[in-house]
């Protein structure tokens, strides 16, 4: 279901990892892209629409020291953990 095709009640798993996409008019699952700006999970299609060229530009401008993209999968975040832990040690 594409964004904008849904106009019903939210599912209980909305915005949760593996659940339904956090975008208001989308209920797609699995939501496997974490948005570090909204602290919620999104489907791949909505991630692509939100994190387009303009979204990438704003993320780079507003969070230049973040050290990661605005959207990441669980695997991407887990791969960063050993690097972050090594910097702390």
C-alpha atoms as a PDB file:
ATOM      1  CA  UNK A   1       0.000   0.000   0.000  1.00  0.00           C
ATOM      2  CA  UNK A   2       1.553   3.275  -1.054  1.00  0.00           C
ATOM      3  CA  UNK A   3       1.639   6.333   1.167  1.00  0.00           C
ATOM      4  CA  UNK A   4      -1.682   8.144   1.091  1.00  0.00           C
ATOM      5  CA  UNK A   5      -3.731   5.061   0.205  1.00  0.00           C
ATOM      6  CA  UNK A   6      -4.813   4.416   3.791  1.00  0.00           C
ATOM      7  CA  UNK A   7      -7.319   6.416   5.807  1.00  0.00           C
ATOM      8  CA  UNK A   8      -8.257   4.261   8.774  1.00  0.00           C
ATOM      9  CA  UNK A   9      -7.271   3.715  12.387  1.00  0.00           C
ATOM     10  CA  UNK A  10      -3.616   3.260  13.309  1.00  0.00           C
ATOM     11  CA  UNK A  11      -2.425  -0.240  14.064  1.00  0.00           C
ATOM     12  CA  UNK A  12      -1.056  -0.863  17.568  1.00  0.00           C
ATOM     13  CA  UNK A  13       2.407  -1.618  16.141  1.00  0.00           C
ATOM     14  CA  UNK A  14       2.650   1.693  14.247  1.00  0.00           C
ATOM     15  CA  UNK A  15       6.177   3.109  14.250  1.00  0.00           C
ATOM     16  CA  UNK A  16       7.656   0.107  16.045  1.00  0.00           C
ATOM     17  CA  UNK A  17      10.475  -2.023  14.694  1.00  0.00           C
ATOM     18  CA  UNK A  18       9.075  -4.649  12.327  1.00  0.00           C
ATOM     19  CA  UNK A  19       5.563  -3.239  12.741  1.00  0.00           C
ATOM     20  CA  UNK A  20       3.598  -0.785  10.621  1.00  0.00           C
ATOM     21  CA  UNK A  21       5.167   2.291   9.056  1.00  0.00           C
ATOM     22  CA  UNK A  22       5.079   5.404  11.250  1.00  0.00           C
ATOM     23  CA  UNK A  23       3.950   7.721   8.442  1.00  0.00           C
ATOM     24  CA  UNK A  24       0.429   8.990   9.108  1.00  0.00           C
ATOM     25  CA  UNK A  25      -1.325   7.650   6.012  1.00  0.00           C
ATOM     26  CA  UNK A  26       0.719   4.475   5.590  1.00  0.00           C
ATOM     27  CA  UNK A  27       0.256   1.114   7.302  1.00  0.00           C
ATOM     28  CA  UNK A  28       2.881  -0.873   5.346  1.00  0.00           C
ATOM     29  CA  UNK A  29       4.983  -3.426   7.104  1.00  0.00           C
ATOM     30  CA  UNK A  30       7.588  -4.323   7.941  1.00  0.00           C
ATOM     31  CA  UNK A  31       8.809  -0.990   9.217  1.00  0.00           C
ATOM     32  CA  UNK A  32      12.511  -1.772   9.065  1.00  0.00           C
ATOM     33  CA  UNK A  33      14.058   1.701   8.646  1.00  0.00           C
ATOM     34  CA  UNK A  34      14.711   3.674  11.845  1.00  0.00           C
ATOM     35  CA  UNK A  35      14.490   7.469  11.593  1.00  0.00           C
ATOM     36  CA  UNK A  36      16.928   9.090  14.019  1.00  0.00           C
ATOM     37  CA  UNK A  37      15.014  12.367  13.728  1.00  0.00           C
ATOM     38  CA  UNK A  38      11.592  11.067  14.765  1.00  0.00           C
ATOM     39  CA  UNK A  39      12.765   8.041  16.799  1.00  0.00           C
ATOM     40  CA  UNK A  40      10.354   5.774  14.901  1.00  0.00           C
ATOM     41  CA  UNK A  41      10.379   3.048  12.239  1.00  0.00           C
ATOM     42  CA  UNK A  42       9.273   3.435   8.593  1.00  0.00           C
ATOM     43  CA  UNK A  43       8.737   1.203   5.562  1.00  0.00           C
ATOM     44  CA  UNK A  44      11.236   1.339   2.708  1.00  0.00           C
ATOM     45  CA  UNK A  45       8.972   3.275   0.351  1.00  0.00           C
ATOM     46  CA  UNK A  46       8.276   6.055   2.854  1.00  0.00           C
ATOM     47  CA  UNK A  47      11.956   6.147   3.843  1.00  0.00           C
ATOM     48  CA  UNK A  48      12.855   6.767   0.202  1.00  0.00           C
ATOM     49  CA  UNK A  49      10.285   9.570  -0.064  1.00  0.00           C
ATOM     50  CA  UNK A  50      11.364  11.262   3.173  1.00  0.00           C
ATOM     51  CA  UNK A  51      15.121  10.766   2.699  1.00  0.00           C
ATOM     52  CA  UNK A  52      15.263  12.033  -0.872  1.00  0.00           C
ATOM     53  CA  UNK A  53      17.981  14.422  -2.084  1.00  0.00           C
ATOM     54  CA  UNK A  54      16.454  17.328  -0.141  1.00  0.00           C
ATOM     55  CA  UNK A  55      16.083  15.245   3.030  1.00  0.00           C
ATOM     56  CA  UNK A  56      19.699  14.120   2.770  1.00  0.00           C
ATOM     57  CA  UNK A  57      20.846  17.711   2.317  1.00  0.00           C
ATOM     58  CA  UNK A  58      18.933  18.880   5.392  1.00  0.00           C
ATOM     59  CA  UNK A  59      20.236  15.986   7.507  1.00  0.00           C
ATOM     60  CA  UNK A  60      23.833  16.746   6.524  1.00  0.00           C
ATOM     61  CA  UNK A  61      23.341  20.469   7.213  1.00  0.00           C
ATOM     62  CA  UNK A  62      21.470  20.123  10.511  1.00  0.00           C
ATOM     63  CA  UNK A  63      23.382  17.151  11.963  1.00  0.00           C
ATOM     64  CA  UNK A  64      26.905  17.283  10.497  1.00  0.00           C
ATOM     65  CA  UNK A  65      28.432  15.390  13.428  1.00  0.00           C
ATOM     66  CA  UNK A  66      25.834  12.621  13.662  1.00  0.00           C
ATOM     67  CA  UNK A  67      28.168  10.037  12.162  1.00  0.00           C
ATOM     68  CA  UNK A  68      25.297   8.109  10.591  1.00  0.00           C
ATOM     69  CA  UNK A  69      22.528   8.661   8.042  1.00  0.00           C
ATOM     70  CA  UNK A  70      19.054   9.796   9.059  1.00  0.00           C
ATOM     71  CA  UNK A  71      17.596   6.338   8.309  1.00  0.00           C
ATOM     72  CA  UNK A  72      19.227   3.035   9.225  1.00  0.00           C
ATOM     73  CA  UNK A  73      18.204  -0.596   9.459  1.00  0.00           C
ATOM     74  CA  UNK A  74      18.844  -2.593  12.641  1.00  0.00           C
ATOM     75  CA  UNK A  75      21.776  -4.288  10.885  1.00  0.00           C
ATOM     76  CA  UNK A  76      23.342  -0.928  10.033  1.00  0.00           C
ATOM     77  CA  UNK A  77      23.015   0.295  13.638  1.00  0.00           C
ATOM     78  CA  UNK A  78      24.389  -2.966  15.055  1.00  0.00           C
ATOM     79  CA  UNK A  79      27.384  -2.752  12.703  1.00  0.00           C
ATOM     80  CA  UNK A  80      28.205   0.699  14.130  1.00  0.00           C
ATOM     81  CA  UNK A  81      28.190  -0.492  17.781  1.00  0.00           C
ATOM     82  CA  UNK A  82      31.679  -2.064  17.801  1.00  0.00           C
ATOM     83  CA  UNK A  83      33.103   1.086  16.207  1.00  0.00           C
ATOM     84  CA  UNK A  84      31.410   3.352  18.753  1.00  0.00           C
ATOM     85  CA  UNK A  85      32.445   1.121  21.665  1.00  0.00           C
ATOM     86  CA  UNK A  86      36.065   1.092  20.458  1.00  0.00           C
ATOM     87  CA  UNK A  87      36.123   4.909  20.428  1.00  0.00           C
ATOM     88  CA  UNK A  88      34.897   5.035  24.037  1.00  0.00           C
ATOM     89  CA  UNK A  89      37.485   2.530  25.323  1.00  0.00           C
END
